[in-house]
Protein backbone atom coordinates (compact mmCIF):
# COMPACT_ATOMS: atom_id res chain seq x y z
CA MET A 1 -154.54 36.35 -43.06
CA THR A 2 -153.96 34.10 -40.06
CA ASP A 3 -152.60 35.20 -36.74
CA SER A 4 -149.69 32.90 -35.87
CA ALA A 5 -149.73 34.06 -32.24
CA SER A 6 -153.14 32.47 -31.71
CA GLU A 7 -152.04 29.04 -32.95
CA ALA A 8 -150.99 26.60 -30.24
CA GLN A 9 -147.40 25.47 -30.59
CA PRO A 10 -145.76 22.65 -28.62
CA VAL A 11 -143.16 23.88 -26.18
CA GLU A 12 -139.83 22.09 -25.81
CA THR A 13 -138.56 22.49 -22.27
CA GLY A 14 -135.29 20.62 -22.74
CA ARG A 15 -135.74 19.02 -19.31
CA SER A 16 -135.24 15.34 -18.64
CA PRO A 17 -138.09 13.32 -17.10
CA ALA A 18 -138.49 13.44 -13.34
CA ILE A 19 -136.27 10.97 -11.51
CA GLY A 20 -137.52 10.00 -8.10
CA TYR A 21 -138.53 7.25 -5.73
CA CYS A 22 -141.34 4.92 -6.85
CA THR A 23 -143.33 3.89 -3.78
CA HIS A 24 -144.84 0.92 -5.64
CA HIS A 25 -141.66 -1.02 -6.47
CA HIS A 26 -139.58 0.68 -3.74
CA GLY A 27 -136.78 1.98 -5.94
CA TYR A 28 -135.61 4.96 -7.97
CA ALA A 29 -136.84 5.36 -11.53
CA GLY A 30 -137.28 7.88 -14.30
CA ASP A 31 -140.61 9.49 -15.21
CA VAL A 32 -142.03 9.32 -11.67
CA ARG A 33 -145.47 10.94 -11.29
CA LEU A 34 -147.51 11.86 -8.22
CA ILE A 35 -150.36 9.37 -7.71
CA ASP A 36 -151.91 10.37 -4.38
CA VAL A 37 -151.31 12.52 -1.30
CA VAL A 38 -152.08 10.95 2.06
CA GLU A 39 -152.92 13.45 4.78
CA GLN A 40 -152.79 12.56 8.47
CA GLY A 41 -154.51 14.18 11.43
CA SER A 42 -151.30 14.59 13.41
CA GLY A 43 -147.83 14.64 11.94
CA PRO A 44 -146.72 14.99 8.36
CA GLY A 45 -148.49 13.24 5.52
CA TYR A 46 -146.80 11.59 2.59
CA ALA A 47 -147.01 11.31 -1.19
CA LEU A 48 -147.38 8.17 -3.30
CA ARG A 49 -145.44 8.29 -6.55
CA ALA A 50 -145.15 5.72 -9.34
CA CYS A 51 -142.93 5.19 -12.37
CA GLY A 52 -144.28 4.45 -15.85
CA PRO A 53 -144.09 0.63 -15.65
CA CYS A 54 -145.81 0.58 -12.24
CA ARG A 55 -148.53 2.97 -13.48
CA ALA A 56 -149.21 0.59 -16.37
CA ALA A 57 -149.03 -2.59 -14.24
CA TYR A 58 -151.37 -1.31 -11.51
CA ASN A 59 -153.60 0.93 -13.70
CA LEU A 60 -152.63 4.06 -11.73
CA VAL A 61 -153.72 7.50 -12.93
CA PRO A 62 -151.48 10.43 -11.96
CA LEU A 63 -153.11 13.06 -9.78
CA GLY A 64 -152.56 15.78 -12.39
CA ASP A 65 -154.35 13.76 -15.10
CA ARG A 66 -157.57 13.18 -13.14
CA PRO A 67 -160.71 15.18 -13.92
């Protein structure tokens, strides 16, 4: 007898991909992911985000996918 609760099941969230500003091509796009966070000594820092085509073109790895 197998325990179905212990088996991993994919979860459908029903959400659309993130739409945001791509700092690499300077425009809005779908499926934008966080690439890097730049911290500054004084004043606010900023975040670098990239869309799917820019991630592929510039070989960028999202921050959440790094080891």
